Amino acid sequence: MIHTPKIDKDKRELSELMSREDVLSHFRGISKTTLYRWSMLEGKLPPIRINRRVWYKRDDVNKLVENNYLSNPTT
């Protein structure tokens, strides 16, 4: 018998995780190969493995965007 943990709706701890498909749709147009490269080769987006599934922290996705893709004008 498998027991799954109850999620307290007030805490929403698991809502901070994004699936691989969520990340792909968030970036609109990147391939699975790009996501793999960011995760495994370049270390830009560290994966979290739970059983056989791969998840990403929403904070890590936001940091990736902020650090690499938002430009700060120096004018």
Protein backbone atom coordinates (compact mmCIF):
# COMPACT_ATOMS: atom_id res chain seq x y z
CA MET A 1 0.00 0.00 0.00
CA ILE A 2 1.37 3.39 -0.98
CA HIS A 3 0.76 6.37 1.24
CA THR A 4 0.93 9.82 -0.26
CA PRO A 5 1.49 12.80 2.00
CA LYS A 6 -1.40 15.12 2.62
CA ILE A 7 -0.84 18.62 1.36
CA ASP A 8 -2.00 21.36 3.65
CA LYS A 9 -3.84 23.80 1.39
CA ASP A 10 -2.66 26.74 3.49
CA LYS A 11 1.03 25.88 3.13
CA ARG A 12 1.01 24.83 -0.55
CA GLU A 13 4.51 23.40 -0.32
CA LEU A 14 4.31 21.47 -3.56
CA SER A 15 2.97 24.40 -5.55
CA GLU A 16 6.54 25.69 -5.77
CA LEU A 17 7.57 22.82 -8.05
CA MET A 18 7.22 22.85 -11.81
CA SER A 19 7.19 19.78 -14.01
CA ARG A 20 9.36 19.49 -17.10
CA GLU A 21 6.33 20.30 -19.26
CA ASP A 22 5.55 23.37 -17.13
CA VAL A 23 9.06 24.72 -17.67
CA LEU A 24 8.92 24.05 -21.41
CA SER A 25 5.61 25.88 -21.74
CA HIS A 26 6.86 28.70 -19.49
CA PHE A 27 9.73 29.44 -21.85
CA ARG A 28 7.64 28.86 -25.02
CA GLY A 29 9.79 27.48 -27.71
CA ILE A 30 12.74 25.85 -25.99
CA SER A 31 13.29 22.20 -26.70
CA LYS A 32 13.75 19.31 -24.30
CA THR A 33 17.39 19.32 -25.38
CA THR A 34 17.84 22.91 -24.23
CA LEU A 35 16.23 22.16 -20.88
CA TYR A 36 18.49 19.13 -20.51
CA ARG A 37 21.56 21.25 -21.32
CA TRP A 38 20.55 23.93 -18.79
CA SER A 39 19.94 21.27 -16.13
CA MET A 40 22.61 18.65 -16.60
CA LEU A 41 25.48 20.26 -18.50
CA GLU A 42 25.46 23.95 -17.60
CA GLY A 43 23.90 23.74 -14.14
CA LYS A 44 21.70 26.78 -14.74
CA LEU A 45 18.53 25.03 -13.60
CA PRO A 46 19.10 22.29 -11.01
CA PRO A 47 16.58 19.46 -11.23
CA ILE A 48 14.85 17.77 -8.31
CA ARG A 49 14.23 14.07 -8.78
CA ILE A 50 11.30 12.48 -7.01
CA ASN A 51 11.06 8.82 -7.93
CA ARG A 52 11.35 8.85 -11.72
CA ARG A 53 9.93 12.33 -12.19
CA VAL A 54 11.95 15.50 -12.66
CA TRP A 55 10.81 18.77 -11.09
CA TYR A 56 12.19 22.29 -10.97
CA LYS A 57 11.76 24.95 -8.31
CA ARG A 58 9.76 27.94 -9.50
CA ASP A 59 12.27 30.20 -7.72
CA ASP A 60 15.12 28.65 -9.72
CA VAL A 61 13.23 29.24 -12.97
CA ASN A 62 12.64 32.87 -12.04
CA LYS A 63 16.32 33.32 -11.09
CA LEU A 64 17.37 31.85 -14.43
CA VAL A 65 15.27 34.45 -16.23
CA GLU A 66 16.47 37.31 -14.05
CA ASN A 67 20.16 36.42 -14.24
CA ASN A 68 20.38 35.56 -17.92
CA TYR A 69 17.57 37.08 -19.89
CA LEU A 70 16.56 40.41 -18.37
CA SER A 71 18.64 43.28 -19.56
CA ASN A 72 19.51 46.21 -17.33
CA PRO A 73 20.02 49.35 -19.39
CA THR A 74 23.08 51.28 -18.28
CA THR A 75 21.86 54.65 -19.53
